[in-house]
C-alpha atoms as a PDB file:
ATOM      1  CA  MET A   1      55.538 -49.134 -15.483  1.00  0.00           C
ATOM      2  CA  ALA A   2      54.861 -50.591 -18.953  1.00  0.00           C
ATOM      3  CA  THR A   3      52.469 -48.948 -21.464  1.00  0.00           C
ATOM      4  CA  ASN A   4      48.952 -49.985 -20.676  1.00  0.00           C
ATOM      5  CA  ARG A   5      48.070 -51.588 -24.021  1.00  0.00           C
ATOM      6  CA  HIS A   6      44.825 -53.230 -22.805  1.00  0.00           C
ATOM      7  CA  GLU A   7      43.178 -49.916 -21.909  1.00  0.00           C
ATOM      8  CA  GLU A   8      44.024 -48.631 -25.363  1.00  0.00           C
ATOM      9  CA  LEU A   9      42.000 -51.584 -26.660  1.00  0.00           C
ATOM     10  CA  GLY A  10      39.097 -50.736 -24.406  1.00  0.00           C
ATOM     11  CA  LEU A  11      39.778 -53.563 -21.978  1.00  0.00           C
ATOM     12  CA  SER A  12      39.613 -53.066 -18.251  1.00  0.00           C
ATOM     13  CA  ASN A  13      41.981 -54.522 -15.648  1.00  0.00           C
ATOM     14  CA  GLU A  14      39.218 -56.987 -14.777  1.00  0.00           C
ATOM     15  CA  ASP A  15      38.988 -58.019 -18.450  1.00  0.00           C
ATOM     16  CA  VAL A  16      42.643 -58.891 -18.756  1.00  0.00           C
ATOM     17  CA  LEU A  17      42.733 -60.646 -15.385  1.00  0.00           C
ATOM     18  CA  GLN A  18      39.850 -62.805 -16.635  1.00  0.00           C
ATOM     19  CA  MET A  19      41.747 -63.510 -19.858  1.00  0.00           C
ATOM     20  CA  TYR A  20      44.802 -64.524 -17.885  1.00  0.00           C
ATOM     21  CA  GLU A  21      42.744 -66.703 -15.559  1.00  0.00           C
ATOM     22  CA  THR A  22      41.117 -68.467 -18.485  1.00  0.00           C
ATOM     23  CA  MET A  23      44.495 -69.065 -20.126  1.00  0.00           C
ATOM     24  CA  LEU A  24      45.914 -70.452 -16.868  1.00  0.00           C
ATOM     25  CA  MET A  25      42.841 -72.646 -16.325  1.00  0.00           C
ATOM     26  CA  ALA A  26      43.299 -74.165 -19.787  1.00  0.00           C
ATOM     27  CA  ARG A  27      46.991 -74.871 -19.031  1.00  0.00           C
ATOM     28  CA  LYS A  28      46.320 -76.456 -15.624  1.00  0.00           C
ATOM     29  CA  ILE A  29      43.546 -78.687 -16.924  1.00  0.00           C
ATOM     30  CA  ASP A  30      45.726 -79.716 -19.803  1.00  0.00           C
ATOM     31  CA  GLU A  31      48.693 -80.509 -17.527  1.00  0.00           C
ATOM     32  CA  ARG A  32      46.413 -82.555 -15.273  1.00  0.00           C
ATOM     33  CA  MET A  33      45.122 -84.512 -18.222  1.00  0.00           C
ATOM     34  CA  TRP A  34      48.671 -85.473 -19.242  1.00  0.00           C
ATOM     35  CA  LEU A  35      49.335 -86.728 -15.739  1.00  0.00           C
ATOM     36  CA  LEU A  36      46.131 -88.739 -15.762  1.00  0.00           C
ATOM     37  CA  ASN A  37      47.043 -90.194 -19.125  1.00  0.00           C
ATOM     38  CA  ARG A  38      50.472 -91.253 -17.985  1.00  0.00           C
ATOM     39  CA  ALA A  39      48.857 -92.803 -14.904  1.00  0.00           C
ATOM     40  CA  GLY A  40      46.658 -94.875 -17.246  1.00  0.00           C
ATOM     41  CA  LYS A  41      43.407 -93.175 -16.096  1.00  0.00           C
ATOM     42  CA  VAL A  42      42.443 -91.283 -19.292  1.00  0.00           C
ATOM     43  CA  PRO A  43      43.091 -92.775 -22.748  1.00  0.00           C
ATOM     44  CA  PHE A  44      44.059 -89.776 -24.859  1.00  0.00           C
ATOM     45  CA  VAL A  45      45.143 -86.108 -24.568  1.00  0.00           C
ATOM     46  CA  ILE A  46      45.463 -83.543 -27.380  1.00  0.00           C
ATOM     47  CA  SER A  47      46.991 -80.448 -25.984  1.00  0.00           C
ATOM     48  CA  CYS A  48      46.413 -76.671 -26.049  1.00  0.00           C
ATOM     49  CA  GLN A  49      49.699 -75.812 -24.359  1.00  0.00           C
ATOM     50  CA  GLY A  50      51.350 -72.848 -26.124  1.00  0.00           C
ATOM     51  CA  GLN A  51      48.144 -71.796 -27.899  1.00  0.00           C
ATOM     52  CA  GLU A  52      46.126 -70.362 -25.006  1.00  0.00           C
ATOM     53  CA  ALA A  53      46.848 -66.688 -25.848  1.00  0.00           C
ATOM     54  CA  ALA A  54      45.531 -67.046 -29.401  1.00  0.00           C
ATOM     55  CA  GLN A  55      42.442 -68.906 -28.158  1.00  0.00           C
ATOM     56  CA  VAL A  56      41.456 -66.650 -25.263  1.00  0.00           C
ATOM     57  CA  GLY A  57      42.443 -63.407 -27.012  1.00  0.00           C
ATOM     58  CA  ALA A  58      40.172 -64.298 -29.949  1.00  0.00           C
ATOM     59  CA  ALA A  59      37.339 -65.645 -27.876  1.00  0.00           C
ATOM     60  CA  TYR A  60      37.279 -62.510 -25.717  1.00  0.00           C
ATOM     61  CA  ALA A  61      36.562 -60.365 -28.866  1.00  0.00           C
ATOM     62  CA  LEU A  62      33.368 -62.328 -29.521  1.00  0.00           C
ATOM     63  CA  ASN A  63      29.943 -62.108 -27.855  1.00  0.00           C
ATOM     64  CA  LYS A  64      29.703 -65.324 -25.942  1.00  0.00           C
ATOM     65  CA  ASP A  65      26.005 -64.793 -25.351  1.00  0.00           C
ATOM     66  CA  LYS A  66      24.975 -64.846 -29.024  1.00  0.00           C
ATOM     67  CA  ASP A  67      27.882 -65.824 -31.352  1.00  0.00           C
ATOM     68  CA  TRP A  68      28.337 -69.426 -32.490  1.00  0.00           C
ATOM     69  CA  ILE A  69      31.731 -71.106 -32.453  1.00  0.00           C
ATOM     70  CA  ALA A  70      33.127 -74.158 -34.275  1.00  0.00           C
ATOM     71  CA  PRO A  71      36.417 -74.882 -32.434  1.00  0.00           C
ATOM     72  CA  TYR A  72      39.020 -77.381 -33.317  1.00  0.00           C
ATOM     73  CA  TYR A  73      40.382 -79.998 -30.996  1.00  0.00           C
ATOM     74  CA  ARG A  74      42.994 -77.878 -29.186  1.00  0.00           C
ATOM     75  CA  ASP A  75      40.642 -75.031 -28.301  1.00  0.00           C
ATOM     76  CA  MET A  76      40.224 -75.477 -24.590  1.00  0.00           C
ATOM     77  CA  GLY A  77      40.729 -71.797 -24.050  1.00  0.00           C
ATOM     78  CA  VAL A  78      37.901 -70.854 -26.443  1.00  0.00           C
ATOM     79  CA  VAL A  79      35.355 -73.342 -24.974  1.00  0.00           C
ATOM     80  CA  LEU A  80      36.183 -72.332 -21.414  1.00  0.00           C
ATOM     81  CA  HIS A  81      35.443 -68.722 -22.256  1.00  0.00           C
ATOM     82  CA  PHE A  82      32.182 -69.719 -23.866  1.00  0.00           C
ATOM     83  CA  GLY A  83      30.955 -71.483 -20.729  1.00  0.00           C
ATOM     84  CA  MET A  84      32.312 -75.019 -20.714  1.00  0.00           C
ATOM     85  CA  THR A  85      33.485 -75.941 -17.195  1.00  0.00           C
ATOM     86  CA  PRO A  86      36.533 -77.786 -15.911  1.00  0.00           C
ATOM     87  CA  LYS A  87      34.069 -80.553 -14.807  1.00  0.00           C
ATOM     88  CA  ASP A  88      32.677 -80.767 -18.381  1.00  0.00           C
ATOM     89  CA  LEU A  89      36.167 -81.133 -19.779  1.00  0.00           C
ATOM     90  CA  MET A  90      37.235 -83.763 -17.258  1.00  0.00           C
ATOM     91  CA  LEU A  91      34.058 -85.774 -17.866  1.00  0.00           C
ATOM     92  CA  SER A  92      35.074 -85.806 -21.534  1.00  0.00           C
ATOM     93  CA  ALA A  93      38.638 -86.889 -20.721  1.00  0.00           C
ATOM     94  CA  PHE A  94      37.375 -89.744 -18.621  1.00  0.00           C
ATOM     95  CA  ALA A  95      34.695 -90.632 -21.219  1.00  0.00           C
ATOM     96  CA  LYS A  96      31.890 -90.646 -18.677  1.00  0.00           C
ATOM     97  CA  ALA A  97      28.143 -90.683 -19.188  1.00  0.00           C
ATOM     98  CA  GLU A  98      27.747 -86.995 -18.124  1.00  0.00           C
ATOM     99  CA  ASP A  99      30.205 -85.785 -20.735  1.00  0.00           C
ATOM    100  CA  PRO A 100      28.193 -82.962 -22.335  1.00  0.00           C
ATOM    101  CA  ASN A 101      30.019 -83.197 -25.625  1.00  0.00           C
ATOM    102  CA  SER A 102      29.114 -86.741 -26.594  1.00  0.00           C
ATOM    103  CA  GLY A 103      28.062 -88.729 -23.473  1.00  0.00           C
ATOM    104  CA  GLY A 104      31.464 -90.422 -23.508  1.00  0.00           C
ATOM    105  CA  ARG A 105      31.369 -91.474 -27.180  1.00  0.00           C
ATOM    106  CA  GLN A 106      34.082 -89.246 -28.549  1.00  0.00           C
ATOM    107  CA  MET A 107      37.801 -88.654 -27.851  1.00  0.00           C
ATOM    108  CA  PRO A 108      38.598 -85.549 -25.788  1.00  0.00           C
ATOM    109  CA  GLY A 109      38.771 -82.372 -27.823  1.00  0.00           C
ATOM    110  CA  HIS A 110      35.613 -83.154 -29.843  1.00  0.00           C
ATOM    111  CA  PHE A 111      33.742 -80.200 -28.371  1.00  0.00           C
ATOM    112  CA  GLY A 112      29.984 -79.615 -28.736  1.00  0.00           C
ATOM    113  CA  GLN A 113      27.526 -77.945 -26.416  1.00  0.00           C
ATOM    114  CA  ARG A 114      24.367 -76.425 -27.696  1.00  0.00           C
ATOM    115  CA  LYS A 115      23.521 -74.284 -24.640  1.00  0.00           C
ATOM    116  CA  ASN A 116      26.861 -72.433 -25.084  1.00  0.00           C
ATOM    117  CA  ARG A 117      26.633 -72.266 -28.900  1.00  0.00           C
ATOM    118  CA  ILE A 118      29.548 -74.653 -29.467  1.00  0.00           C
ATOM    119  CA  LEU A 119      28.946 -76.548 -32.761  1.00  0.00           C
ATOM    120  CA  THR A 120      29.815 -80.239 -32.519  1.00  0.00           C
ATOM    121  CA  GLY A 121      33.144 -81.143 -34.104  1.00  0.00           C
ATOM    122  CA  SER A 122      34.271 -84.401 -35.636  1.00  0.00           C
ATOM    123  CA  SER A 123      37.509 -86.235 -36.091  1.00  0.00           C
ATOM    124  CA  PRO A 124      38.247 -85.388 -39.809  1.00  0.00           C
ATOM    125  CA  VAL A 125      40.081 -82.064 -39.590  1.00  0.00           C
ATOM    126  CA  THR A 126      38.620 -78.855 -41.116  1.00  0.00           C
ATOM    127  CA  THR A 127      35.050 -80.143 -41.328  1.00  0.00           C
ATOM    128  CA  GLN A 128      34.106 -77.494 -38.758  1.00  0.00           C
ATOM    129  CA  LEU A 129      34.861 -74.653 -41.137  1.00  0.00           C
ATOM    130  CA  PRO A 130      32.054 -75.352 -43.657  1.00  0.00           C
ATOM    131  CA  HIS A 131      29.726 -75.947 -40.646  1.00  0.00           C
ATOM    132  CA  ALA A 132      30.547 -72.452 -39.248  1.00  0.00           C
ATOM    133  CA  VAL A 133      30.123 -70.882 -42.675  1.00  0.00           C
ATOM    134  CA  GLY A 134      26.763 -72.590 -43.045  1.00  0.00           C
ATOM    135  CA  VAL A 135      25.548 -71.236 -39.779  1.00  0.00           C
ATOM    136  CA  ALA A 136      26.781 -67.798 -40.820  1.00  0.00           C
ATOM    137  CA  LEU A 137      24.698 -68.185 -43.971  1.00  0.00           C
ATOM    138  CA  ALA A 138      21.671 -68.904 -41.758  1.00  0.00           C
ATOM    139  CA  ALA A 139      22.379 -65.739 -39.858  1.00  0.00           C
ATOM    140  CA  LYS A 140      22.380 -63.757 -43.096  1.00  0.00           C
ATOM    141  CA  ILE A 141      19.259 -65.355 -44.497  1.00  0.00           C
ATOM    142  CA  LYS A 142      17.273 -64.939 -41.247  1.00  0.00           C
ATOM    143  CA  GLY A 143      18.724 -61.463 -40.565  1.00  0.00           C
ATOM    144  CA  GLU A 144      19.806 -62.538 -37.084  1.00  0.00           C
ATOM    145  CA  ASP A 145      22.398 -60.608 -35.144  1.00  0.00           C
ATOM    146  CA  PHE A 146      25.235 -63.058 -34.572  1.00  0.00           C
ATOM    147  CA  ILE A 147      28.448 -64.106 -36.232  1.00  0.00           C
ATOM    148  CA  THR A 148      30.337 -67.448 -36.311  1.00  0.00           C
ATOM    149  CA  PHE A 149      33.930 -68.215 -35.524  1.00  0.00           C
ATOM    150  CA  SER A 150      35.929 -71.297 -36.588  1.00  0.00           C
ATOM    151  CA  THR A 151      39.479 -72.277 -35.735  1.00  0.00           C
ATOM    152  CA  LEU A 152      41.875 -74.824 -37.239  1.00  0.00           C
ATOM    153  CA  GLY A 153      45.580 -75.640 -37.459  1.00  0.00           C
ATOM    154  CA  GLU A 154      47.733 -74.588 -40.399  1.00  0.00           C
ATOM    155  CA  GLY A 155      47.951 -78.241 -41.520  1.00  0.00           C
ATOM    156  CA  SER A 156      44.124 -78.172 -41.816  1.00  0.00           C
ATOM    157  CA  SER A 157      44.347 -75.162 -44.183  1.00  0.00           C
ATOM    158  CA  ASN A 158      45.514 -77.637 -46.839  1.00  0.00           C
ATOM    159  CA  GLN A 159      42.308 -79.610 -46.785  1.00  0.00           C
ATOM    160  CA  GLY A 160      39.594 -79.298 -49.389  1.00  0.00           C
ATOM    161  CA  ASP A 161      37.091 -78.206 -46.730  1.00  0.00           C
ATOM    162  CA  PHE A 162      39.264 -75.071 -46.164  1.00  0.00           C
ATOM    163  CA  HIS A 163      38.885 -74.068 -49.813  1.00  0.00           C
ATOM    164  CA  GLU A 164      35.211 -74.791 -49.950  1.00  0.00           C
ATOM    165  CA  GLY A 165      34.388 -72.984 -46.714  1.00  0.00           C
ATOM    166  CA  MET A 166      36.589 -69.992 -47.421  1.00  0.00           C
ATOM    167  CA  ASN A 167      35.335 -69.642 -50.992  1.00  0.00           C
ATOM    168  CA  PHE A 168      31.639 -69.861 -49.956  1.00  0.00           C
ATOM    169  CA  ALA A 169      32.102 -67.359 -47.179  1.00  0.00           C
ATOM    170  CA  GLY A 170      33.875 -64.962 -49.480  1.00  0.00           C
ATOM    171  CA  VAL A 171      31.443 -65.209 -52.321  1.00  0.00           C
ATOM    172  CA  HIS A 172      28.401 -64.612 -50.115  1.00  0.00           C
ATOM    173  CA  LYS A 173      30.124 -62.118 -47.804  1.00  0.00           C
ATOM    174  CA  LEU A 174      29.056 -64.117 -44.731  1.00  0.00           C
ATOM    175  CA  PRO A 175      29.405 -62.926 -41.131  1.00  0.00           C
ATOM    176  CA  THR A 176      32.165 -65.250 -40.055  1.00  0.00           C
ATOM    177  CA  VAL A 177      35.787 -65.149 -38.916  1.00  0.00           C
ATOM    178  CA  ILE A 178      38.274 -67.967 -39.563  1.00  0.00           C
ATOM    179  CA  MET A 179      41.347 -68.216 -37.387  1.00  0.00           C
ATOM    180  CA  VAL A 180      44.274 -70.497 -38.180  1.00  0.00           C
ATOM    181  CA  GLU A 181      46.340 -71.328 -35.106  1.00  0.00           C
ATOM    182  CA  ASN A 182      49.686 -71.830 -36.838  1.00  0.00           C
ATOM    183  CA  ASN A 183      51.679 -73.891 -34.310  1.00  0.00           C
ATOM    184  CA  LYS A 184      54.299 -74.764 -36.948  1.00  0.00           C
ATOM    185  CA  TYR A 185      53.699 -78.477 -37.145  1.00  0.00           C
ATOM    186  CA  ALA A 186      50.950 -80.611 -38.736  1.00  0.00           C
ATOM    187  CA  ILE A 187      51.728 -83.569 -36.488  1.00  0.00           C
ATOM    188  CA  SER A 188      55.320 -84.124 -37.701  1.00  0.00           C
ATOM    189  CA  VAL A 189      55.358 -81.959 -40.871  1.00  0.00           C
ATOM    190  CA  PRO A 190      56.928 -78.515 -40.313  1.00  0.00           C
ATOM    191  CA  VAL A 191      55.229 -75.487 -41.817  1.00  0.00           C
ATOM    192  CA  GLU A 192      57.856 -74.969 -44.604  1.00  0.00           C
ATOM    193  CA  LYS A 193      56.774 -78.279 -46.005  1.00  0.00           C
ATOM    194  CA  GLN A 194      53.076 -77.415 -45.840  1.00  0.00           C
ATOM    195  CA  LEU A 195      52.890 -74.004 -47.563  1.00  0.00           C
ATOM    196  CA  ALA A 196      54.341 -72.719 -50.782  1.00  0.00           C
ATOM    197  CA  CYS A 197      53.410 -69.155 -49.686  1.00  0.00           C
ATOM    198  CA  GLU A 198      55.049 -67.419 -46.724  1.00  0.00           C
ATOM    199  CA  ASN A 199      51.930 -67.085 -44.582  1.00  0.00           C
ATOM    200  CA  VAL A 200      48.571 -68.846 -44.355  1.00  0.00           C
ATOM    201  CA  SER A 201      46.993 -65.387 -44.427  1.00  0.00           C
ATOM    202  CA  ASP A 202      48.404 -64.879 -47.920  1.00  0.00           C
ATOM    203  CA  ARG A 203      45.668 -67.169 -49.170  1.00  0.00           C
ATOM    204  CA  ALA A 204      42.880 -64.808 -48.055  1.00  0.00           C
ATOM    205  CA  VAL A 205      43.101 -62.596 -51.142  1.00  0.00           C
ATOM    206  CA  GLY A 206      42.033 -65.566 -53.338  1.00  0.00           C
ATOM    207  CA  TYR A 207      38.773 -65.708 -51.429  1.00  0.00           C
ATOM    208  CA  GLY A 208      38.061 -61.997 -51.547  1.00  0.00           C
ATOM    209  CA  MET A 209      38.631 -61.306 -47.846  1.00  0.00           C
ATOM    210  CA  PRO A 210      41.289 -59.583 -45.746  1.00  0.00           C
ATOM    211  CA  GLY A 211      44.000 -61.754 -44.180  1.00  0.00           C
ATOM    212  CA  VAL A 212      46.299 -60.844 -41.317  1.00  0.00           C
ATOM    213  CA  THR A 213      49.125 -62.649 -39.537  1.00  0.00           C
ATOM    214  CA  VAL A 214      49.476 -61.848 -35.836  1.00  0.00           C
ATOM    215  CA  ASP A 215      51.682 -62.894 -32.878  1.00  0.00           C
ATOM    216  CA  GLY A 216      49.607 -65.735 -31.441  1.00  0.00           C
ATOM    217  CA  THR A 217      51.579 -65.655 -28.159  1.00  0.00           C
ATOM    218  CA  ASP A 218      50.167 -62.188 -27.412  1.00  0.00           C
ATOM    219  CA  PRO A 219      46.494 -62.272 -26.370  1.00  0.00           C
ATOM    220  CA  LEU A 220      46.074 -58.492 -26.742  1.00  0.00           C
ATOM    221  CA  GLU A 221      47.294 -58.511 -30.353  1.00  0.00           C
ATOM    222  CA  VAL A 222      45.001 -61.399 -31.152  1.00  0.00           C
ATOM    223  CA  TYR A 223      42.130 -59.570 -29.439  1.00  0.00           C
ATOM    224  CA  ARG A 224      42.813 -56.468 -31.486  1.00  0.00           C
ATOM    225  CA  VAL A 225      42.722 -58.127 -34.899  1.00  0.00           C
ATOM    226  CA  MET A 226      39.858 -60.414 -33.922  1.00  0.00           C
ATOM    227  CA  LYS A 227      37.798 -57.439 -32.708  1.00  0.00           C
ATOM    228  CA  GLU A 228      38.322 -55.716 -36.074  1.00  0.00           C
ATOM    229  CA  ALA A 229      37.333 -58.837 -37.953  1.00  0.00           C
ATOM    230  CA  ALA A 230      34.263 -59.443 -35.738  1.00  0.00           C
ATOM    231  CA  ASP A 231      33.177 -55.796 -36.212  1.00  0.00           C
ATOM    232  CA  ARG A 232      33.545 -56.198 -40.018  1.00  0.00           C
ATOM    233  CA  ALA A 233      31.453 -59.336 -39.968  1.00  0.00           C
ATOM    234  CA  ARG A 234      28.716 -57.702 -37.875  1.00  0.00           C
ATOM    235  CA  SER A 235      28.500 -54.702 -40.062  1.00  0.00           C
ATOM    236  CA  GLY A 236      27.928 -56.795 -43.238  1.00  0.00           C
ATOM    237  CA  GLU A 237      31.431 -56.401 -44.624  1.00  0.00           C
ATOM    238  CA  GLY A 238      32.027 -60.129 -44.834  1.00  0.00           C
ATOM    239  CA  PRO A 239      34.552 -62.651 -43.540  1.00  0.00           C
ATOM    240  CA  SER A 240      38.198 -62.377 -42.482  1.00  0.00           C
ATOM    241  CA  LEU A 241      41.087 -64.790 -42.112  1.00  0.00           C
ATOM    242  CA  ILE A 242      43.405 -64.463 -39.139  1.00  0.00           C
ATOM    243  CA  GLU A 243      46.646 -66.417 -38.731  1.00  0.00           C
ATOM    244  CA  ALA A 244      47.842 -66.563 -35.148  1.00  0.00           C
ATOM    245  CA  VAL A 245      51.399 -67.776 -35.138  1.00  0.00           C
ATOM    246  CA  CYS A 246      52.204 -69.769 -31.956  1.00  0.00           C
ATOM    247  CA  TYR A 247      53.966 -73.037 -31.063  1.00  0.00           C
ATOM    248  CA  ARG A 248      52.825 -76.407 -29.806  1.00  0.00           C
ATOM    249  CA  LEU A 249      54.676 -76.965 -26.530  1.00  0.00           C
ATOM    250  CA  THR A 250      53.776 -80.637 -26.282  1.00  0.00           C
ATOM    251  CA  ALA A 251      53.745 -83.594 -28.598  1.00  0.00           C
ATOM    252  CA  HIS A 252      50.895 -83.638 -31.130  1.00  0.00           C
ATOM    253  CA  SER A 253      49.003 -85.900 -28.780  1.00  0.00           C
ATOM    254  CA  SER A 254      49.646 -88.428 -26.018  1.00  0.00           C
ATOM    255  CA  ASP A 255      50.212 -91.008 -28.774  1.00  0.00           C
ATOM    256  CA  ASP A 256      52.959 -89.021 -30.551  1.00  0.00           C
ATOM    257  CA  ASP A 257      56.740 -89.040 -30.052  1.00  0.00           C
ATOM    258  CA  GLN A 258      57.885 -85.556 -31.007  1.00  0.00           C
ATOM    259  CA  ARG A 259      61.568 -86.511 -30.568  1.00  0.00           C
ATOM    260  CA  LEU A 260      61.379 -88.076 -34.031  1.00  0.00           C
ATOM    261  CA  TYR A 261      60.886 -84.709 -35.767  1.00  0.00           C
ATOM    262  CA  ARG A 262      62.075 -81.865 -33.578  1.00  0.00           C
ATOM    263  CA  ASP A 263      65.028 -81.472 -31.182  1.00  0.00           C
ATOM    264  CA  ALA A 264      65.238 -80.336 -27.623  1.00  0.00           C
ATOM    265  CA  GLU A 265      67.027 -77.084 -28.565  1.00  0.00           C
ATOM    266  CA  GLU A 266      64.144 -75.962 -30.743  1.00  0.00           C
ATOM    267  CA  LEU A 267      61.631 -76.765 -28.043  1.00  0.00           C
ATOM    268  CA  GLU A 268      63.650 -74.903 -25.367  1.00  0.00           C
ATOM    269  CA  ALA A 269      63.846 -71.834 -27.595  1.00  0.00           C
ATOM    270  CA  GLU A 270      60.139 -71.778 -28.135  1.00  0.00           C
ATOM    271  CA  ARG A 271      59.425 -72.301 -24.444  1.00  0.00           C
ATOM    272  CA  LYS A 272      60.885 -68.881 -23.842  1.00  0.00           C
ATOM    273  CA  LEU A 273      57.879 -67.504 -25.796  1.00  0.00           C
ATOM    274  CA  ASP A 274      55.335 -69.411 -23.600  1.00  0.00           C
ATOM    275  CA  PRO A 275      52.345 -67.116 -23.634  1.00  0.00           C
ATOM    276  CA  ILE A 276      51.330 -67.548 -20.034  1.00  0.00           C
ATOM    277  CA  PRO A 277      54.432 -66.289 -18.241  1.00  0.00           C
ATOM    278  CA  LYS A 278      54.774 -63.660 -20.966  1.00  0.00           C
ATOM    279  CA  PHE A 279      51.282 -62.333 -20.320  1.00  0.00           C
ATOM    280  CA  ALA A 280      51.781 -62.538 -16.510  1.00  0.00           C
ATOM    281  CA  ALA A 281      54.899 -60.393 -16.860  1.00  0.00           C
ATOM    282  CA  TYR A 282      52.918 -57.785 -18.805  1.00  0.00           C
ATOM    283  CA  LEU A 283      50.186 -57.736 -16.191  1.00  0.00           C
ATOM    284  CA  LYS A 284      52.801 -57.309 -13.414  1.00  0.00           C
ATOM    285  CA  ASP A 285      54.569 -54.545 -15.347  1.00  0.00           C
ATOM    286  CA  THR A 286      51.316 -52.660 -15.675  1.00  0.00           C
ATOM    287  CA  GLY A 287      50.406 -53.105 -12.001  1.00  0.00           C
ATOM    288  CA  VAL A 288      47.386 -55.271 -12.716  1.00  0.00           C
ATOM    289  CA  LEU A 289      48.797 -58.474 -11.240  1.00  0.00           C
ATOM    290  CA  SER A 290      50.833 -58.935  -8.080  1.00  0.00           C
ATOM    291  CA  ASP A 291      52.638 -62.046  -6.853  1.00  0.00           C
ATOM    292  CA  GLU A 292      50.104 -62.341  -4.056  1.00  0.00           C
ATOM    293  CA  LEU A 293      47.106 -62.068  -6.453  1.00  0.00           C
ATOM    294  CA  ASN A 294      48.755 -64.564  -8.842  1.00  0.00           C
ATOM    295  CA  GLY A 295      49.079 -66.980  -6.009  1.00  0.00           C
ATOM    296  CA  GLU A 296      45.394 -66.603  -5.137  1.00  0.00           C
ATOM    297  CA  ILE A 297      44.407 -67.183  -8.766  1.00  0.00           C
ATOM    298  CA  GLU A 298      46.586 -70.301  -9.032  1.00  0.00           C
ATOM    299  CA  LYS A 299      45.175 -71.686  -5.735  1.00  0.00           C
ATOM    300  CA  ARG A 300      41.552 -71.082  -6.916  1.00  0.00           C
ATOM    301  CA  ILE A 301      42.262 -72.699 -10.279  1.00  0.00           C
ATOM    302  CA  MET A 302      43.915 -75.756  -8.777  1.00  0.00           C
ATOM    303  CA  GLN A 303      41.007 -76.233  -6.396  1.00  0.00           C
ATOM    304  CA  GLN A 304      38.618 -76.273  -9.345  1.00  0.00           C
ATOM    305  CA  VAL A 305      40.883 -78.662 -11.282  1.00  0.00           C
ATOM    306  CA  ASN A 306      41.146 -81.040  -8.327  1.00  0.00           C
ATOM    307  CA  GLU A 307      37.350 -80.943  -7.719  1.00  0.00           C
ATOM    308  CA  ALA A 308      36.665 -81.565 -11.451  1.00  0.00           C
ATOM    309  CA  THR A 309      39.163 -84.474 -11.582  1.00  0.00           C
ATOM    310  CA  ASP A 310      37.681 -86.101  -8.423  1.00  0.00           C
ATOM    311  CA  TYR A 311      34.137 -85.711  -9.687  1.00  0.00           C
ATOM    312  CA  ALA A 312      34.844 -87.033 -13.174  1.00  0.00           C
ATOM    313  CA  GLU A 313      36.892 -89.970 -11.999  1.00  0.00           C
ATOM    314  CA  ALA A 314      34.079 -91.112  -9.684  1.00  0.00           C
ATOM    315  CA  ALA A 315      31.274 -90.481 -12.211  1.00  0.00           C
ATOM    316  CA  PRO A 316      29.627 -93.474 -13.842  1.00  0.00           C
ATOM    317  CA  TYR A 317      30.253 -94.628 -17.352  1.00  0.00           C
ATOM    318  CA  ALA A 318      27.290 -94.880 -19.791  1.00  0.00           C
ATOM    319  CA  ASP A 319      25.461 -98.116 -19.918  1.00  0.00           C
ATOM    320  CA  ALA A 320      26.570-100.224 -22.899  1.00  0.00           C
ATOM    321  CA  GLU A 321      23.090 -99.992 -24.495  1.00  0.00           C
ATOM    322  CA  TYR A 322      23.475 -96.183 -24.626  1.00  0.00           C
ATOM    323  CA  ALA A 323      25.896 -96.583 -27.566  1.00  0.00           C
ATOM    324  CA  LEU A 324      22.826 -97.475 -29.695  1.00  0.00           C
ATOM    325  CA  ARG A 325      21.010 -94.197 -28.974  1.00  0.00           C
ATOM    326  CA  HIS A 326      21.105 -91.425 -31.564  1.00  0.00           C
ATOM    327  CA  VAL A 327      22.621 -93.794 -34.135  1.00  0.00           C
ATOM    328  CA  TYR A 328      19.915 -96.210 -35.341  1.00  0.00           C
ATOM    329  CA  ALA A 329      16.246 -96.324 -34.699  1.00  0.00           C
ATOM    330  CA  GLU A 330      15.324 -98.700 -31.952  1.00  0.00           C
ATOM    331  CA  GLN A 331      13.375-101.631 -33.328  1.00  0.00           C
ATOM    332  CA  GLY A 332       9.764-101.439 -32.332  1.00  0.00           C
ATOM    333  CA  GLY A 333      10.294 -98.291 -30.292  1.00  0.00           C
ATOM    334  CA  ASN A 334       9.147 -94.704 -30.666  1.00  0.00           C
ATOM    335  CA  ASP A 335      12.614 -93.028 -30.382  1.00  0.00           C
END
C-alpha cells in the first residue's frame, strides 16, 4: 500500500474523496459541454481539462465559507468547490435567463456569484488579479478575517494588470494568494516564448513575496503549498505567488485549432500525466478508492450532469428587453 500522503497533510479519506469527486465532476461537465458545442447546442467552450488537480487542490486549502475568489475562465474546479452547481454551469453554457453569472449575457467561464463569494470576471485577461488584491485591501482596512485568491494562466502573467496587482499586494502585505496555472500555452504561444526567466514563480522576488513552483497535476502538492500560503496571508505575513505546472488537454477553446501549433505526439505524452486517473490510482493504492466505489461516484456524477443538461436546455432565454437592465438607466423609470 502506498504512503498515505493526505493524512500527513491533515486530510481525511473523506476529504480526498471529495477532492476527487469535484475534479471528476469538472471533467464530466467539461466533456459534456464539448459534445453540446459540436452538436450546435452551446456556442462556446473554454476548457478546464488537465488543470482540475491544480484548481481543486488549491480551492480545498481555502475557507469556502468566508474567503473570496477571483477565478479565471478555466476554473470550473474552483467554482464547483465554492458552491456553484452543475446546473449553474450548464445554464451559463446555454446562455439562459437563470444563468447566475450574468443572466445569459456573458460567454461561459465568466464566473460571478455573490452568495458564494465569487468575484465577477471579465473577458480581458488578468483584470481579476487587481480586483482580488483590492478586496484583500478591504479585508486589511476593515480588519475582517478572510483572504482572497486569484488565478490566471501563465500568458496572463505578462499583462500589465499582473505587475500592478502583484506590486500593490506586495507593497501593502495584503492577505491574498495568486496562483498561475501554467498550462504551457498562451493560446498558441509556448511558454518558452512567453518568459525570459525559467519559472513564473521567479518573478515573485521582485514583488517582495515568496514564489513556489509546484506539480499542478498533483492535487495534494498543490494543497500543501496553497495551505502554507493561505496560512501566511491569514497571519498577516502578506501575499504569495504559486505556479502550478499542468497541461491543457484540449484546444484553447472550441474556436481554436490546436493542430496548427502542437503535434499529436506531444499531446499523447502529456495525456499520460492526466491528473484524474493519476489521482484515482493514488486513492486506490492507499485503499481509499475501490473500483466499485469509483463506479458509484461516476454514476452519481453523470446523473447530475444529465439532469443539469436537460434542465438548462429546456430553460427559457431572457427576454430581449432584459439586455437593457443594469447597463443604462431606463428613461422615465425608477431603476
